Amino acid sequence: GTGSGYQAAVLDALGTEVYPIEIKRLLYAMTDKLLKEHSYNTIKTRHGDGYYGWPEAAPFDAIMITAAVDHIPPPLIAQLKDGGRLVLPLGSPFGYQNLVLVTRRGEDLALRQVTGVLFVPMTGHAMDQR
């Protein structure tokens, strides 16, 4: 999710297009306002379920999930460009996960485990599937 907006601001400062999605409405509203107040006008924020991504802005070179999921969300894979990468904490939302780098190559996916991590669970559709 967007959270406080810090990560979105850092990515924006690196010159990337940033499309953060926050599922918690109040947090989204506060962070959207804060980013605008600090002139981060190129960051496009949205209130919604990040599991579904942002199809209108796709395809993406890269997508980063900042909450644990126990499977790779198909809508996000569909929104990656060929050669695009997805980084996510993959594993039990209530235990340790592996930070995984997924690269899309046509209809195939190449997965590489990077390191062990511990993230909060993704809520919304990802949790409904449990």
C-alpha atoms as a PDB file:
ATOM      1  CA  GLY A   1       0.000   0.000   0.000  1.00  0.00           C
ATOM      2  CA  THR A   2       0.897   3.649  -0.081  1.00  0.00           C
ATOM      3  CA  GLY A   3       1.303   3.830   3.679  1.00  0.00           C
ATOM      4  CA  SER A   4       2.900   7.119   4.709  1.00  0.00           C
ATOM      5  CA  GLY A   5       3.987   7.878   1.139  1.00  0.00           C
ATOM      6  CA  TYR A   6       7.699   7.761   1.981  1.00  0.00           C
ATOM      7  CA  GLN A   7       8.545   4.970  -0.446  1.00  0.00           C
ATOM      8  CA  ALA A   8       6.504   6.632  -3.206  1.00  0.00           C
ATOM      9  CA  ALA A   9       8.400   9.891  -2.617  1.00  0.00           C
ATOM     10  CA  VAL A  10      11.776   8.113  -2.791  1.00  0.00           C
ATOM     11  CA  LEU A  11      10.828   6.349  -6.038  1.00  0.00           C
ATOM     12  CA  ASP A  12       9.531   9.640  -7.454  1.00  0.00           C
ATOM     13  CA  ALA A  13      12.842  11.324  -6.594  1.00  0.00           C
ATOM     14  CA  LEU A  14      14.591   8.608  -8.617  1.00  0.00           C
ATOM     15  CA  GLY A  15      12.616   9.732 -11.653  1.00  0.00           C
ATOM     16  CA  THR A  16      10.190   6.841 -11.924  1.00  0.00           C
ATOM     17  CA  GLU A  17       6.455   7.033 -12.533  1.00  0.00           C
ATOM     18  CA  VAL A  18       4.777   5.972  -9.307  1.00  0.00           C
ATOM     19  CA  TYR A  19       1.236   4.591  -8.946  1.00  0.00           C
ATOM     20  CA  PRO A  20       0.721   3.612  -5.285  1.00  0.00           C
ATOM     21  CA  ILE A  21      -2.565   2.046  -4.199  1.00  0.00           C
ATOM     22  CA  GLU A  22      -3.807   2.141  -0.598  1.00  0.00           C
ATOM     23  CA  ILE A  23      -6.710   0.012   0.634  1.00  0.00           C
ATOM     24  CA  LYS A  24      -7.325   1.956   3.867  1.00  0.00           C
ATOM     25  CA  ARG A  25      -9.448   4.970   2.893  1.00  0.00           C
ATOM     26  CA  LEU A  26      -8.383   7.328   5.709  1.00  0.00           C
ATOM     27  CA  LEU A  27      -4.692   6.519   5.250  1.00  0.00           C
ATOM     28  CA  TYR A  28      -5.064   7.042   1.497  1.00  0.00           C
ATOM     29  CA  ALA A  29      -6.713  10.457   1.992  1.00  0.00           C
ATOM     30  CA  MET A  30      -4.098  11.630   4.502  1.00  0.00           C
ATOM     31  CA  THR A  31      -1.157  10.454   2.405  1.00  0.00           C
ATOM     32  CA  ASP A  32      -2.544  11.813  -0.865  1.00  0.00           C
ATOM     33  CA  LYS A  33      -2.953  15.229   0.789  1.00  0.00           C
ATOM     34  CA  LEU A  34       0.526  15.072   2.336  1.00  0.00           C
ATOM     35  CA  LEU A  35       2.203  14.180  -0.975  1.00  0.00           C
ATOM     36  CA  LYS A  36       0.443  17.053  -2.740  1.00  0.00           C
ATOM     37  CA  GLU A  37       1.366  19.494   0.069  1.00  0.00           C
ATOM     38  CA  HIS A  38       5.014  18.549  -0.467  1.00  0.00           C
ATOM     39  CA  SER A  39       4.776  19.026  -4.245  1.00  0.00           C
ATOM     40  CA  TYR A  40       4.867  15.352  -5.208  1.00  0.00           C
ATOM     41  CA  ASN A  41       2.360  16.143  -7.929  1.00  0.00           C
ATOM     42  CA  THR A  42       3.560  13.459 -10.334  1.00  0.00           C
ATOM     43  CA  ILE A  43       2.757  10.615  -7.925  1.00  0.00           C
ATOM     44  CA  LYS A  44      -0.635   9.234  -8.905  1.00  0.00           C
ATOM     45  CA  THR A  45      -2.369   7.723  -5.880  1.00  0.00           C
ATOM     46  CA  ARG A  46      -5.508   5.621  -5.728  1.00  0.00           C
ATOM     47  CA  HIS A  47      -7.742   4.188  -3.037  1.00  0.00           C
ATOM     48  CA  GLY A  48      -8.385   0.542  -3.811  1.00  0.00           C
ATOM     49  CA  ASP A  49      -7.270  -3.049  -3.483  1.00  0.00           C
ATOM     50  CA  GLY A  50      -3.672  -3.387  -4.689  1.00  0.00           C
ATOM     51  CA  TYR A  51      -4.298  -7.036  -5.552  1.00  0.00           C
ATOM     52  CA  TYR A  52      -5.949  -5.812  -8.747  1.00  0.00           C
ATOM     53  CA  GLY A  53      -3.259  -3.273  -9.600  1.00  0.00           C
ATOM     54  CA  TRP A  54      -3.937  -0.306 -11.860  1.00  0.00           C
ATOM     55  CA  PRO A  55      -4.922  -1.731 -15.264  1.00  0.00           C
ATOM     56  CA  GLU A  56      -5.578   1.688 -16.814  1.00  0.00           C
ATOM     57  CA  ALA A  57      -1.921   2.664 -16.339  1.00  0.00           C
ATOM     58  CA  ALA A  58      -0.460  -0.696 -17.432  1.00  0.00           C
ATOM     59  CA  PRO A  59       1.736  -2.113 -18.736  1.00  0.00           C
ATOM     60  CA  PHE A  60       4.434  -1.535 -16.121  1.00  0.00           C
ATOM     61  CA  ASP A  61       8.189  -2.093 -16.193  1.00  0.00           C
ATOM     62  CA  ALA A  62       8.098  -2.951 -12.490  1.00  0.00           C
ATOM     63  CA  ILE A  63       5.582  -3.539  -9.722  1.00  0.00           C
ATOM     64  CA  MET A  64       6.376  -3.712  -6.008  1.00  0.00           C
ATOM     65  CA  ILE A  65       4.052  -5.299  -3.460  1.00  0.00           C
ATOM     66  CA  THR A  66       4.657  -4.111   0.098  1.00  0.00           C
ATOM     67  CA  ALA A  67       2.430  -6.614   1.919  1.00  0.00           C
ATOM     68  CA  ALA A  68       2.712 -10.392   2.204  1.00  0.00           C
ATOM     69  CA  VAL A  69       0.744 -12.666  -0.116  1.00  0.00           C
ATOM     70  CA  ASP A  70       0.685 -16.454  -0.327  1.00  0.00           C
ATOM     71  CA  HIS A  71       0.467 -16.471  -4.132  1.00  0.00           C
ATOM     72  CA  ILE A  72       1.418 -14.216  -7.023  1.00  0.00           C
ATOM     73  CA  PRO A  73      -1.617 -12.077  -7.937  1.00  0.00           C
ATOM     74  CA  PRO A  74      -2.540 -12.888 -11.574  1.00  0.00           C
ATOM     75  CA  PRO A  75      -3.856  -9.353 -12.253  1.00  0.00           C
ATOM     76  CA  LEU A  76      -0.408  -7.934 -11.484  1.00  0.00           C
ATOM     77  CA  ILE A  77       1.379 -10.386 -13.772  1.00  0.00           C
ATOM     78  CA  ALA A  78      -1.045  -9.393 -16.534  1.00  0.00           C
ATOM     79  CA  GLN A  79      -0.059  -5.746 -16.003  1.00  0.00           C
ATOM     80  CA  LEU A  80       3.687  -6.329 -16.430  1.00  0.00           C
ATOM     81  CA  LYS A  81       5.426  -5.599 -19.714  1.00  0.00           C
ATOM     82  CA  ASP A  82       7.315  -8.469 -21.300  1.00  0.00           C
ATOM     83  CA  GLY A  83      10.592  -8.398 -19.377  1.00  0.00           C
ATOM     84  CA  GLY A  84       8.865  -6.572 -16.527  1.00  0.00           C
ATOM     85  CA  ARG A  85       9.611  -7.420 -12.908  1.00  0.00           C
ATOM     86  CA  LEU A  86       7.490  -7.895  -9.830  1.00  0.00           C
ATOM     87  CA  VAL A  87       9.006  -7.805  -6.332  1.00  0.00           C
ATOM     88  CA  LEU A  88       6.910  -9.233  -3.525  1.00  0.00           C
ATOM     89  CA  PRO A  89       7.039 -10.878  -0.091  1.00  0.00           C
ATOM     90  CA  LEU A  90       5.745 -14.344  -0.969  1.00  0.00           C
ATOM     91  CA  GLY A  91       4.666 -16.820   1.680  1.00  0.00           C
ATOM     92  CA  SER A  92       2.419 -17.079   4.703  1.00  0.00           C
ATOM     93  CA  PRO A  93       0.930 -13.680   5.531  1.00  0.00           C
ATOM     94  CA  PHE A  94       1.185 -14.658   9.211  1.00  0.00           C
ATOM     95  CA  GLY A  95       4.781 -15.872   9.253  1.00  0.00           C
ATOM     96  CA  TYR A  96       8.042 -15.365   7.463  1.00  0.00           C
ATOM     97  CA  GLN A  97       8.096 -14.848   3.716  1.00  0.00           C
ATOM     98  CA  ASN A  98      10.675 -14.805   0.955  1.00  0.00           C
ATOM     99  CA  LEU A  99      11.319 -11.619  -0.967  1.00  0.00           C
ATOM    100  CA  VAL A 100      10.891 -12.860  -4.529  1.00  0.00           C
ATOM    101  CA  LEU A 101      11.797 -11.240  -7.837  1.00  0.00           C
ATOM    102  CA  VAL A 102       9.480 -12.377 -10.633  1.00  0.00           C
ATOM    103  CA  THR A 103      10.413 -11.617 -14.241  1.00  0.00           C
ATOM    104  CA  ARG A 104       7.798 -11.989 -16.951  1.00  0.00           C
ATOM    105  CA  ARG A 105       9.051 -13.542 -20.184  1.00  0.00           C
ATOM    106  CA  GLY A 106       6.069 -13.796 -22.487  1.00  0.00           C
ATOM    107  CA  GLU A 107       3.673 -16.178 -20.762  1.00  0.00           C
ATOM    108  CA  ASP A 108       6.456 -17.615 -18.575  1.00  0.00           C
ATOM    109  CA  LEU A 109       7.649 -16.416 -15.187  1.00  0.00           C
ATOM    110  CA  ALA A 110      11.164 -16.655 -13.789  1.00  0.00           C
ATOM    111  CA  LEU A 111      11.298 -16.522  -9.978  1.00  0.00           C
ATOM    112  CA  ARG A 112      14.341 -15.732  -7.861  1.00  0.00           C
ATOM    113  CA  GLN A 113      14.343 -15.760  -4.068  1.00  0.00           C
ATOM    114  CA  VAL A 114      16.269 -12.785  -2.722  1.00  0.00           C
ATOM    115  CA  THR A 115      16.094 -13.070   1.081  1.00  0.00           C
ATOM    116  CA  GLY A 116      13.834 -13.896   3.995  1.00  0.00           C
ATOM    117  CA  VAL A 117      11.507 -11.099   5.128  1.00  0.00           C
ATOM    118  CA  LEU A 118       8.580 -10.377   7.417  1.00  0.00           C
ATOM    119  CA  PHE A 119       5.842  -8.103   6.022  1.00  0.00           C
ATOM    120  CA  VAL A 120       2.311  -7.338   7.167  1.00  0.00           C
ATOM    121  CA  PRO A 121      -0.391  -9.304   5.307  1.00  0.00           C
ATOM    122  CA  MET A 122      -2.059  -7.927   2.203  1.00  0.00           C
ATOM    123  CA  THR A 123      -5.713  -7.310   3.004  1.00  0.00           C
ATOM    124  CA  GLY A 124      -8.675  -7.250   0.640  1.00  0.00           C
ATOM    125  CA  HIS A 125      -8.984  -9.900  -2.058  1.00  0.00           C
ATOM    126  CA  ALA A 126      -5.700 -11.614  -1.120  1.00  0.00           C
ATOM    127  CA  MET A 127      -7.000 -12.261   2.397  1.00  0.00           C
ATOM    128  CA  ASP A 128     -10.458 -13.260   1.138  1.00  0.00           C
ATOM    129  CA  GLN A 129      -8.826 -16.120  -0.797  1.00  0.00           C
ATOM    130  CA  ARG A 130      -7.520 -17.737   2.397  1.00  0.00           C
END
